PDB file of all heavy atoms in Angstrom:
ATOM      1  N   SER A   1      88.922 105.511  66.299  1.00  0.00           N
ATOM      2  CA  SER A   1      90.164 104.808  66.024  1.00  0.00           C
ATOM      3  C   SER A   1      90.365 103.645  67.006  1.00  0.00           C
ATOM      4  O   SER A   1      89.807 103.623  68.093  1.00  0.00           O
ATOM      5  CB  SER A   1      91.315 105.804  66.158  1.00  0.00           C
ATOM      6  OG  SER A   1      92.536 105.164  66.067  1.00  0.00           O
ATOM      7  N   ASP A   2      91.203 102.679  66.632  1.00  0.00           N
ATOM      8  CA  ASP A   2      91.501 101.570  67.537  1.00  0.00           C
ATOM      9  C   ASP A   2      92.779 101.824  68.349  1.00  0.00           C
ATOM     10  O   ASP A   2      93.321 100.926  68.956  1.00  0.00           O
ATOM     11  CB  ASP A   2      91.591 100.252  66.761  1.00  0.00           C
ATOM     12  CG  ASP A   2      92.710 100.237  65.736  1.00  0.00           C
ATOM     13  OD1 ASP A   2      93.331 101.296  65.512  1.00  0.00           O
ATOM     14  OD2 ASP A   2      92.969  99.166  65.167  1.00  0.00           O
ATOM     15  N   HIS A   3      93.270 103.048  68.327  1.00  0.00           N
ATOM     16  CA  HIS A   3      94.431 103.424  69.137  1.00  0.00           C
ATOM     17  C   HIS A   3      94.174 104.800  69.756  1.00  0.00           C
ATOM     18  O   HIS A   3      93.294 105.526  69.313  1.00  0.00           O
ATOM     19  CB  HIS A   3      95.709 103.451  68.285  1.00  0.00           C
ATOM     20  CG  HIS A   3      95.717 104.559  67.279  1.00  0.00           C
ATOM     21  ND1 HIS A   3      95.042 104.459  66.080  1.00  0.00           N
ATOM     22  CD2 HIS A   3      96.276 105.784  67.301  1.00  0.00           C
ATOM     23  CE1 HIS A   3      95.207 105.596  65.400  1.00  0.00           C
ATOM     24  NE2 HIS A   3      95.947 106.402  66.121  1.00  0.00           N
ATOM     25  N   HIS A   4      94.950 105.131  70.744  1.00  0.00           N
ATOM     26  CA  HIS A   4      94.837 106.439  71.382  1.00  0.00           C
ATOM     27  C   HIS A   4      96.203 107.109  71.378  1.00  0.00           C
ATOM     28  O   HIS A   4      97.220 106.449  71.588  1.00  0.00           O
ATOM     29  CB  HIS A   4      94.353 106.320  72.825  1.00  0.00           C
ATOM     30  CG  HIS A   4      92.982 105.735  72.940  1.00  0.00           C
ATOM     31  ND1 HIS A   4      91.844 106.387  72.526  1.00  0.00           N
ATOM     32  CD2 HIS A   4      92.565 104.540  73.423  1.00  0.00           C
ATOM     33  CE1 HIS A   4      90.790 105.633  72.760  1.00  0.00           C
ATOM     34  NE2 HIS A   4      91.201 104.490  73.292  1.00  0.00           N
ATOM     35  N   VAL A   5      96.205 108.402  71.145  1.00  0.00           N
ATOM     36  CA  VAL A   5      97.421 109.205  71.214  1.00  0.00           C
ATOM     37  C   VAL A   5      97.174 110.293  72.247  1.00  0.00           C
ATOM     38  O   VAL A   5      96.109 110.911  72.274  1.00  0.00           O
ATOM     39  CB  VAL A   5      97.755 109.824  69.837  1.00  0.00           C
ATOM     40  CG1 VAL A   5      98.964 110.736  69.945  1.00  0.00           C
ATOM     41  CG2 VAL A   5      97.989 108.733  68.802  1.00  0.00           C
ATOM     42  N   TYR A   6      98.152 110.510  73.105  1.00  0.00           N
ATOM     43  CA  TYR A   6      98.011 111.464  74.189  1.00  0.00           C
ATOM     44  C   TYR A   6      99.052 112.562  74.086  1.00  0.00           C
ATOM     45  O   TYR A   6     100.118 112.376  73.483  1.00  0.00           O
ATOM     46  CB  TYR A   6      98.188 110.765  75.542  1.00  0.00           C
ATOM     47  CG  TYR A   6      97.132 109.728  75.804  1.00  0.00           C
ATOM     48  CD1 TYR A   6      97.316 108.415  75.382  1.00  0.00           C
ATOM     49  CD2 TYR A   6      95.961 110.057  76.451  1.00  0.00           C
ATOM     50  CE1 TYR A   6      96.344 107.455  75.614  1.00  0.00           C
ATOM     51  CE2 TYR A   6      94.976 109.106  76.685  1.00  0.00           C
ATOM     52  CZ  TYR A   6      95.174 107.814  76.266  1.00  0.00           C
ATOM     53  OH  TYR A   6      94.214 106.871  76.485  1.00  0.00           O
ATOM     54  N   LYS A   7      98.745 113.680  74.696  1.00  0.00           N
ATOM     55  CA  LYS A   7      99.694 114.779  74.822  1.00  0.00           C
ATOM     56  C   LYS A   7      99.744 115.158  76.292  1.00  0.00           C
ATOM     57  O   LYS A   7      98.765 114.988  77.016  1.00  0.00           O
ATOM     58  CB  LYS A   7      99.253 115.975  73.984  1.00  0.00           C
ATOM     59  CG  LYS A   7     100.231 117.121  74.025  1.00  0.00           C
ATOM     60  CD  LYS A   7      99.928 118.169  72.988  1.00  0.00           C
ATOM     61  CE  LYS A   7     101.008 119.231  73.068  1.00  0.00           C
ATOM     62  NZ  LYS A   7     100.996 120.102  71.915  1.00  0.00           N
ATOM     63  N   LYS A   8     100.899 115.670  76.758  1.00  0.00           N
ATOM     64  CA  LYS A   8     101.045 116.104  78.136  1.00  0.00           C
ATOM     65  C   LYS A   8     101.354 117.588  78.181  1.00  0.00           C
ATOM     66  O   LYS A   8     102.084 118.098  77.334  1.00  0.00           O
ATOM     67  CB  LYS A   8     102.197 115.377  78.824  1.00  0.00           C
ATOM     68  CG  LYS A   8     101.997 113.906  78.979  1.00  0.00           C
ATOM     69  CD  LYS A   8     103.049 113.278  79.869  1.00  0.00           C
ATOM     70  CE  LYS A   8     104.398 113.206  79.210  1.00  0.00           C
ATOM     71  NZ  LYS A   8     105.394 112.454  79.998  1.00  0.00           N
ATOM     72  N   VAL A   9     100.796 118.262  79.164  1.00  0.00           N
ATOM     73  CA  VAL A   9     101.158 119.642  79.467  1.00  0.00           C
ATOM     74  C   VAL A   9     101.550 119.692  80.941  1.00  0.00           C
ATOM     75  O   VAL A   9     101.128 118.846  81.736  1.00  0.00           O
ATOM     76  CB  VAL A   9     100.014 120.638  79.181  1.00  0.00           C
ATOM     77  CG1 VAL A   9      99.697 120.697  77.709  1.00  0.00           C
ATOM     78  CG2 VAL A   9      98.773 120.307  79.978  1.00  0.00           C
ATOM     79  N   GLU A  10     102.358 120.659  81.296  1.00  0.00           N
ATOM     80  CA  GLU A  10     102.753 120.804  82.685  1.00  0.00           C
ATOM     81  C   GLU A  10     102.138 122.073  83.253  1.00  0.00           C
ATOM     82  O   GLU A  10     102.199 123.137  82.627  1.00  0.00           O
ATOM     83  CB  GLU A  10     104.279 120.845  82.825  1.00  0.00           C
ATOM     84  CG  GLU A  10     104.722 120.760  84.251  1.00  0.00           C
ATOM     85  CD  GLU A  10     106.214 120.462  84.396  1.00  0.00           C
ATOM     86  OE1 GLU A  10     106.916 120.423  83.375  1.00  0.00           O
ATOM     87  OE2 GLU A  10     106.649 120.266  85.530  1.00  0.00           O
ATOM     88  N   VAL A  11     101.535 121.953  84.417  1.00  0.00           N
ATOM     89  CA  VAL A  11     100.895 123.084  85.091  1.00  0.00           C
ATOM     90  C   VAL A  11     101.265 123.048  86.570  1.00  0.00           C
ATOM     91  O   VAL A  11     101.716 122.030  87.087  1.00  0.00           O
ATOM     92  CB  VAL A  11      99.355 123.056  84.930  1.00  0.00           C
ATOM     93  CG1 VAL A  11      98.961 123.168  83.469  1.00  0.00           C
ATOM     94  CG2 VAL A  11      98.748 121.824  85.553  1.00  0.00           C
ATOM     95  N   VAL A  12     101.056 124.180  87.235  1.00  0.00           N
ATOM     96  CA  VAL A  12     101.255 124.258  88.679  1.00  0.00           C
ATOM     97  C   VAL A  12      99.968 124.771  89.302  1.00  0.00           C
ATOM     98  O   VAL A  12      99.477 125.842  88.929  1.00  0.00           O
ATOM     99  CB  VAL A  12     102.430 125.185  89.045  1.00  0.00           C
ATOM    100  CG1 VAL A  12     102.576 125.303  90.559  1.00  0.00           C
ATOM    101  CG2 VAL A  12     103.728 124.676  88.429  1.00  0.00           C
ATOM    102  N   GLY A  13      99.416 123.996  90.221  1.00  0.00           N
ATOM    103  CA  GLY A  13      98.227 124.407  90.954  1.00  0.00           C
ATOM    104  C   GLY A  13      98.629 124.863  92.341  1.00  0.00           C
ATOM    105  O   GLY A  13      99.647 124.438  92.883  1.00  0.00           O
ATOM    106  N   SER A  14      97.829 125.759  92.922  1.00  0.00           N
ATOM    107  CA  SER A  14      98.128 126.223  94.272  1.00  0.00           C
ATOM    108  C   SER A  14      96.851 126.315  95.092  1.00  0.00           C
ATOM    109  O   SER A  14      95.744 126.390  94.553  1.00  0.00           O
ATOM    110  CB  SER A  14      98.845 127.567  94.243  1.00  0.00           C
ATOM    111  OG  SER A  14      97.987 128.570  93.766  1.00  0.00           O
ATOM    112  N   SER A  15      97.033 126.299  96.397  1.00  0.00           N
ATOM    113  CA  SER A  15      95.916 126.409  97.328  1.00  0.00           C
ATOM    114  C   SER A  15      96.447 126.845  98.679  1.00  0.00           C
ATOM    115  O   SER A  15      97.545 126.448  99.073  1.00  0.00           O
ATOM    116  CB  SER A  15      95.217 125.056  97.480  1.00  0.00           C
ATOM    117  OG  SER A  15      94.297 125.081  98.551  1.00  0.00           O
ATOM    118  N   ARG A  16      95.661 127.612  99.394  1.00  0.00           N
ATOM    119  CA  ARG A  16      96.012 127.969 100.768  1.00  0.00           C
ATOM    120  C   ARG A  16      95.622 126.851 101.732  1.00  0.00           C
ATOM    121  O   ARG A  16      96.092 126.813 102.861  1.00  0.00           O
ATOM    122  CB  ARG A  16      95.311 129.256 101.190  1.00  0.00           C
ATOM    123  CG  ARG A  16      95.891 130.491 100.559  1.00  0.00           C
ATOM    124  CD  ARG A  16      95.335 131.730 101.241  1.00  0.00           C
ATOM    125  NE  ARG A  16      95.986 132.932 100.766  1.00  0.00           N
ATOM    126  CZ  ARG A  16      97.112 133.433 101.265  1.00  0.00           C
ATOM    127  NH1 ARG A  16      97.710 132.831 102.274  1.00  0.00           N
ATOM    128  NH2 ARG A  16      97.640 134.532 100.770  1.00  0.00           N
ATOM    129  N   THR A  17      94.785 125.912 101.269  1.00  0.00           N
ATOM    130  CA  THR A  17      94.202 124.902 102.137  1.00  0.00           C
ATOM    131  C   THR A  17      94.996 123.598 102.203  1.00  0.00           C
ATOM    132  O   THR A  17      95.292 123.109 103.291  1.00  0.00           O
ATOM    133  CB  THR A  17      92.766 124.581 101.671  1.00  0.00           C
ATOM    134  OG1 THR A  17      92.043 125.799 101.549  1.00  0.00           O
ATOM    135  CG2 THR A  17      92.063 123.673 102.644  1.00  0.00           C
ATOM    136  N   SER A  18      95.305 122.988 101.014  1.00  0.00           N
ATOM    137  CA  SER A  18      95.930 121.660 101.034  1.00  0.00           C
ATOM    138  C   SER A  18      96.537 121.307  99.681  1.00  0.00           C
ATOM    139  O   SER A  18      96.251 121.948  98.670  1.00  0.00           O
ATOM    140  CB  SER A  18      94.899 120.588 101.399  1.00  0.00           C
ATOM    141  OG  SER A  18      93.963 120.444 100.353  1.00  0.00           O
ATOM    142  N   ILE A  19      97.314 120.249  99.696  1.00  0.00           N
ATOM    143  CA  ILE A  19      97.880 119.714  98.458  1.00  0.00           C
ATOM    144  C   ILE A  19      96.766 119.185  97.566  1.00  0.00           C
ATOM    145  O   ILE A  19      96.771 119.402  96.356  1.00  0.00           O
ATOM    146  CB  ILE A  19      98.925 118.620  98.779  1.00  0.00           C
ATOM    147  CG1 ILE A  19     100.160 119.268  99.410  1.00  0.00           C
ATOM    148  CG2 ILE A  19      99.301 117.826  97.538  1.00  0.00           C
ATOM    149  CD1 ILE A  19     101.166 118.297  99.971  1.00  0.00           C
ATOM    150  N   ASP A  20      95.797 118.491  98.154  1.00  0.00           N
ATOM    151  CA  ASP A  20      94.661 117.981  97.373  1.00  0.00           C
ATOM    152  C   ASP A  20      93.923 119.106  96.660  1.00  0.00           C
ATOM    153  O   ASP A  20      93.556 118.983  95.486  1.00  0.00           O
ATOM    154  CB  ASP A  20      93.675 117.217  98.264  1.00  0.00           C
ATOM    155  CG  ASP A  20      94.181 115.849  98.669  1.00  0.00           C
ATOM    156  OD1 ASP A  20      95.152 115.364  98.066  1.00  0.00           O
ATOM    157  OD2 ASP A  20      93.596 115.268  99.597  1.00  0.00           O
ATOM    158  N   ASP A  21      93.690 120.199  97.354  1.00  0.00           N
ATOM    159  CA  ASP A  21      93.022 121.341  96.724  1.00  0.00           C
ATOM    160  C   ASP A  21      93.864 121.925  95.594  1.00  0.00           C
ATOM    161  O   ASP A  21      93.332 122.342  94.574  1.00  0.00           O
ATOM    162  CB  ASP A  21      92.721 122.442  97.734  1.00  0.00           C
ATOM    163  CG  ASP A  21      91.456 122.194  98.534  1.00  0.00           C
ATOM    164  OD1 ASP A  21      90.703 121.255  98.208  1.00  0.00           O
ATOM    165  OD2 ASP A  21      91.217 122.960  99.487  1.00  0.00           O
ATOM    166  N   ALA A  22      95.179 121.956  95.783  1.00  0.00           N
ATOM    167  CA  ALA A  22      96.069 122.473  94.731  1.00  0.00           C
ATOM    168  C   ALA A  22      95.960 121.609  93.475  1.00  0.00           C
ATOM    169  O   ALA A  22      95.893 122.127  92.355  1.00  0.00           O
ATOM    170  CB  ALA A  22      97.509 122.519  95.234  1.00  0.00           C
ATOM    171  N   ILE A  23      95.911 120.295  93.647  1.00  0.00           N
ATOM    172  CA  ILE A  23      95.752 119.379  92.515  1.00  0.00           C
ATOM    173  C   ILE A  23      94.407 119.609  91.844  1.00  0.00           C
ATOM    174  O   ILE A  23      94.319 119.755  90.620  1.00  0.00           O
ATOM    175  CB  ILE A  23      95.886 117.906  92.970  1.00  0.00           C
ATOM    176  CG1 ILE A  23      97.318 117.604  93.409  1.00  0.00           C
ATOM    177  CG2 ILE A  23      95.444 116.953  91.856  1.00  0.00           C
ATOM    178  CD1 ILE A  23      97.478 116.283  94.127  1.00  0.00           C
ATOM    179  N   ASN A  24      93.349 119.650  92.638  1.00  0.00           N
ATOM    180  CA  ASN A  24      92.011 119.841  92.082  1.00  0.00           C
ATOM    181  C   ASN A  24      91.850 121.192  91.390  1.00  0.00           C
ATOM    182  O   ASN A  24      91.181 121.282  90.359  1.00  0.00           O
ATOM    183  CB  ASN A  24      90.952 119.655  93.172  1.00  0.00           C
ATOM    184  CG  ASN A  24      90.776 118.194  93.525  1.00  0.00           C
ATOM    185  OD1 ASN A  24      90.732 117.336  92.660  1.00  0.00           O
ATOM    186  ND2 ASN A  24      90.690 117.904  94.802  1.00  0.00           N
ATOM    187  N   ASN A  25      92.470 122.237  91.928  1.00  0.00           N
ATOM    188  CA  ASN A  25      92.423 123.553  91.281  1.00  0.00           C
ATOM    189  C   ASN A  25      93.086 123.510  89.906  1.00  0.00           C
ATOM    190  O   ASN A  25      92.567 124.051  88.927  1.00  0.00           O
ATOM    191  CB  ASN A  25      93.094 124.618  92.148  1.00  0.00           C
ATOM    192  CG  ASN A  25      92.314 124.935  93.409  1.00  0.00           C
ATOM    193  OD1 ASN A  25      91.124 124.637  93.506  1.00  0.00           O
ATOM    194  ND2 ASN A  25      92.981 125.512  94.383  1.00  0.00           N
ATOM    195  N   ALA A  26      94.239 122.860  89.830  1.00  0.00           N
ATOM    196  CA  ALA A  26      94.947 122.754  88.550  1.00  0.00           C
ATOM    197  C   ALA A  26      94.124 121.963  87.533  1.00  0.00           C
ATOM    198  O   ALA A  26      93.991 122.376  86.376  1.00  0.00           O
ATOM    199  CB  ALA A  26      96.313 122.092  88.753  1.00  0.00           C
ATOM    200  N   LEU A  27      93.558 120.836  87.951  1.00  0.00           N
ATOM    201  CA  LEU A  27      92.765 120.013  87.035  1.00  0.00           C
ATOM    202  C   LEU A  27      91.492 120.737  86.580  1.00  0.00           C
ATOM    203  O   LEU A  27      91.100 120.640  85.412  1.00  0.00           O
ATOM    204  CB  LEU A  27      92.426 118.676  87.678  1.00  0.00           C
ATOM    205  CG  LEU A  27      93.613 117.750  87.938  1.00  0.00           C
ATOM    206  CD1 LEU A  27      93.172 116.528  88.720  1.00  0.00           C
ATOM    207  CD2 LEU A  27      94.285 117.356  86.634  1.00  0.00           C
ATOM    208  N   ALA A  28      90.860 121.451  87.482  1.00  0.00           N
ATOM    209  CA  ALA A  28      89.639 122.191  87.128  1.00  0.00           C
ATOM    210  C   ALA A  28      89.937 123.251  86.081  1.00  0.00           C
ATOM    211  O   ALA A  28      89.186 123.415  85.102  1.00  0.00           O
ATOM    212  CB  ALA A  28      89.027 122.817  88.373  1.00  0.00           C
ATOM    213  N   GLU A  29      91.032 123.969  86.246  1.00  0.00           N
ATOM    214  CA  GLU A  29      91.389 125.009  85.265  1.00  0.00           C
ATOM    215  C   GLU A  29      91.770 124.398  83.920  1.00  0.00           C
ATOM    216  O   GLU A  29      91.384 124.908  82.877  1.00  0.00           O
ATOM    217  CB  GLU A  29      92.522 125.889  85.791  1.00  0.00           C
ATOM    218  CG  GLU A  29      92.101 126.824  86.893  1.00  0.00           C
ATOM    219  CD  GLU A  29      90.997 127.790  86.473  1.00  0.00           C
ATOM    220  OE1 GLU A  29      91.059 128.364  85.368  1.00  0.00           O
ATOM    221  OE2 GLU A  29      90.050 127.956  87.258  1.00  0.00           O
ATOM    222  N   CYS A  30      92.538 123.314  83.940  1.00  0.00           N
ATOM    223  CA  CYS A  30      92.917 122.641  82.689  1.00  0.00           C
ATOM    224  C   CYS A  30      91.675 122.173  81.932  1.00  0.00           C
ATOM    225  O   CYS A  30      91.597 122.305  80.712  1.00  0.00           O
ATOM    226  CB  CYS A  30      93.808 121.437  82.968  1.00  0.00           C
ATOM    227  SG  CYS A  30      95.502 121.851  83.288  1.00  0.00           S
ATOM    228  N   SER A  31      90.722 121.620  82.658  1.00  0.00           N
ATOM    229  CA  SER A  31      89.525 121.071  82.027  1.00  0.00           C
ATOM    230  C   SER A  31      88.658 122.141  81.371  1.00  0.00           C
ATOM    231  O   SER A  31      87.834 121.822  80.520  1.00  0.00           O
ATOM    232  CB  SER A  31      88.703 120.298  83.058  1.00  0.00           C
ATOM    233  OG  SER A  31      89.425 119.166  83.467  1.00  0.00           O
ATOM    234  N   LYS A  32      88.864 123.393  81.735  1.00  0.00           N
ATOM    235  CA  LYS A  32      88.111 124.486  81.102  1.00  0.00           C
ATOM    236  C   LYS A  32      88.551 124.722  79.655  1.00  0.00           C
ATOM    237  O   LYS A  32      87.755 125.146  78.834  1.00  0.00           O
ATOM    238  CB  LYS A  32      88.278 125.788  81.886  1.00  0.00           C
ATOM    239  CG  LYS A  32      87.566 125.789  83.212  1.00  0.00           C
ATOM    240  CD  LYS A  32      87.808 127.107  83.924  1.00  0.00           C
ATOM    241  CE  LYS A  32      87.171 127.131  85.302  1.00  0.00           C
ATOM    242  NZ  LYS A  32      87.456 128.404  85.992  1.00  0.00           N
ATOM    243  N   SER A  33      89.825 124.473  79.363  1.00  0.00           N
ATOM    244  CA  SER A  33      90.325 124.781  78.023  1.00  0.00           C
ATOM    245  C   SER A  33      90.890 123.585  77.266  1.00  0.00           C
ATOM    246  O   SER A  33      91.172 123.690  76.080  1.00  0.00           O
ATOM    247  CB  SER A  33      91.397 125.877  78.101  1.00  0.00           C
ATOM    248  OG  SER A  33      92.478 125.455  78.903  1.00  0.00           O
ATOM    249  N   ILE A  34      91.057 122.441  77.940  1.00  0.00           N
ATOM    250  CA  ILE A  34      91.605 121.246  77.300  1.00  0.00           C
ATOM    251  C   ILE A  34      90.551 120.147  77.341  1.00  0.00           C
ATOM    252  O   ILE A  34      90.036 119.817  78.407  1.00  0.00           O
ATOM    253  CB  ILE A  34      92.886 120.765  78.016  1.00  0.00           C
ATOM    254  CG1 ILE A  34      93.967 121.844  77.956  1.00  0.00           C
ATOM    255  CG2 ILE A  34      93.389 119.467  77.402  1.00  0.00           C
ATOM    256  CD1 ILE A  34      95.199 121.522  78.781  1.00  0.00           C
ATOM    257  N   LYS A  35      90.263 119.577  76.180  1.00  0.00           N
ATOM    258  CA  LYS A  35      89.310 118.469  76.104  1.00  0.00           C
ATOM    259  C   LYS A  35      90.006 117.151  76.399  1.00  0.00           C
ATOM    260  O   LYS A  35      91.208 117.010  76.194  1.00  0.00           O
ATOM    261  CB  LYS A  35      88.709 118.382  74.699  1.00  0.00           C
ATOM    262  CG  LYS A  35      87.869 119.555  74.301  1.00  0.00           C
ATOM    263  CD  LYS A  35      87.345 119.346  72.893  1.00  0.00           C
ATOM    264  CE  LYS A  35      86.563 120.545  72.423  1.00  0.00           C
ATOM    265  NZ  LYS A  35      86.085 120.360  71.037  1.00  0.00           N
ATOM    266  N   ASN A  36      89.234 116.175  76.835  1.00  0.00           N
ATOM    267  CA  ASN A  36      89.684 114.789  77.005  1.00  0.00           C
ATOM    268  C   ASN A  36      90.809 114.610  78.025  1.00  0.00           C
ATOM    269  O   ASN A  36      91.672 113.752  77.858  1.00  0.00           O
ATOM    270  CB  ASN A  36      90.116 114.193  75.659  1.00  0.00           C
ATOM    271  CG  ASN A  36      89.041 114.286  74.609  1.00  0.00           C
ATOM    272  OD1 ASN A  36      87.878 114.028  74.885  1.00  0.00           O
ATOM    273  ND2 ASN A  36      89.413 114.675  73.402  1.00  0.00           N
ATOM    274  N   VAL A  37      90.798 115.407  79.098  1.00  0.00           N
ATOM    275  CA  VAL A  37      91.784 115.211  80.162  1.00  0.00           C
ATOM    276  C   VAL A  37      91.504 113.852  80.794  1.00  0.00           C
ATOM    277  O   VAL A  37      90.381 113.562  81.189  1.00  0.00           O
ATOM    278  CB  VAL A  37      91.702 116.337  81.218  1.00  0.00           C
ATOM    279  CG1 VAL A  37      92.586 116.012  82.408  1.00  0.00           C
ATOM    280  CG2 VAL A  37      92.091 117.676  80.599  1.00  0.00           C
ATOM    281  N   GLU A  38      92.540 112.998  80.870  1.00  0.00           N
ATOM    282  CA  GLU A  38      92.328 111.634  81.344  1.00  0.00           C
ATOM    283  C   GLU A  38      93.216 111.215  82.506  1.00  0.00           C
ATOM    284  O   GLU A  38      92.911 110.256  83.194  1.00  0.00           O
ATOM    285  CB  GLU A  38      92.477 110.641  80.188  1.00  0.00           C
ATOM    286  CG  GLU A  38      91.394 110.825  79.149  1.00  0.00           C
ATOM    287  CD  GLU A  38      91.334 109.687  78.146  1.00  0.00           C
ATOM    288  OE1 GLU A  38      92.107 108.724  78.271  1.00  0.00           O
ATOM    289  OE2 GLU A  38      90.490 109.775  77.235  1.00  0.00           O
ATOM    290  N   TRP A  39      94.345 111.882  82.730  1.00  0.00           N
ATOM    291  CA  TRP A  39      95.203 111.467  83.829  1.00  0.00           C
ATOM    292  C   TRP A  39      96.134 112.599  84.238  1.00  0.00           C
ATOM    293  O   TRP A  39      96.261 113.597  83.532  1.00  0.00           O
ATOM    294  CB  TRP A  39      96.009 110.211  83.466  1.00  0.00           C
ATOM    295  CG  TRP A  39      96.842 110.319  82.236  1.00  0.00           C
ATOM    296  CD1 TRP A  39      96.485 109.980  80.971  1.00  0.00           C
ATOM    297  CD2 TRP A  39      98.174 110.813  82.136  1.00  0.00           C
ATOM    298  NE1 TRP A  39      97.505 110.227  80.097  1.00  0.00           N
ATOM    299  CE2 TRP A  39      98.561 110.744  80.792  1.00  0.00           C
ATOM    300  CE3 TRP A  39      99.081 111.317  83.053  1.00  0.00           C
ATOM    301  CZ2 TRP A  39      99.816 111.168  80.354  1.00  0.00           C
ATOM    302  CZ3 TRP A  39     100.330 111.731  82.600  1.00  0.00           C
ATOM    303  CH2 TRP A  39     100.680 111.637  81.265  1.00  0.00           C
TER     304      TRP A  39
END
């Protein structure tokens, strides 16, 4: 297609180490079940 349509979901990531790890943990889990994660 010549257009893109997006959907948003809200998740909460956690980590004992850092905020960056919490973000990366959430994105890694989302990417396991959601295709085309872009932002």
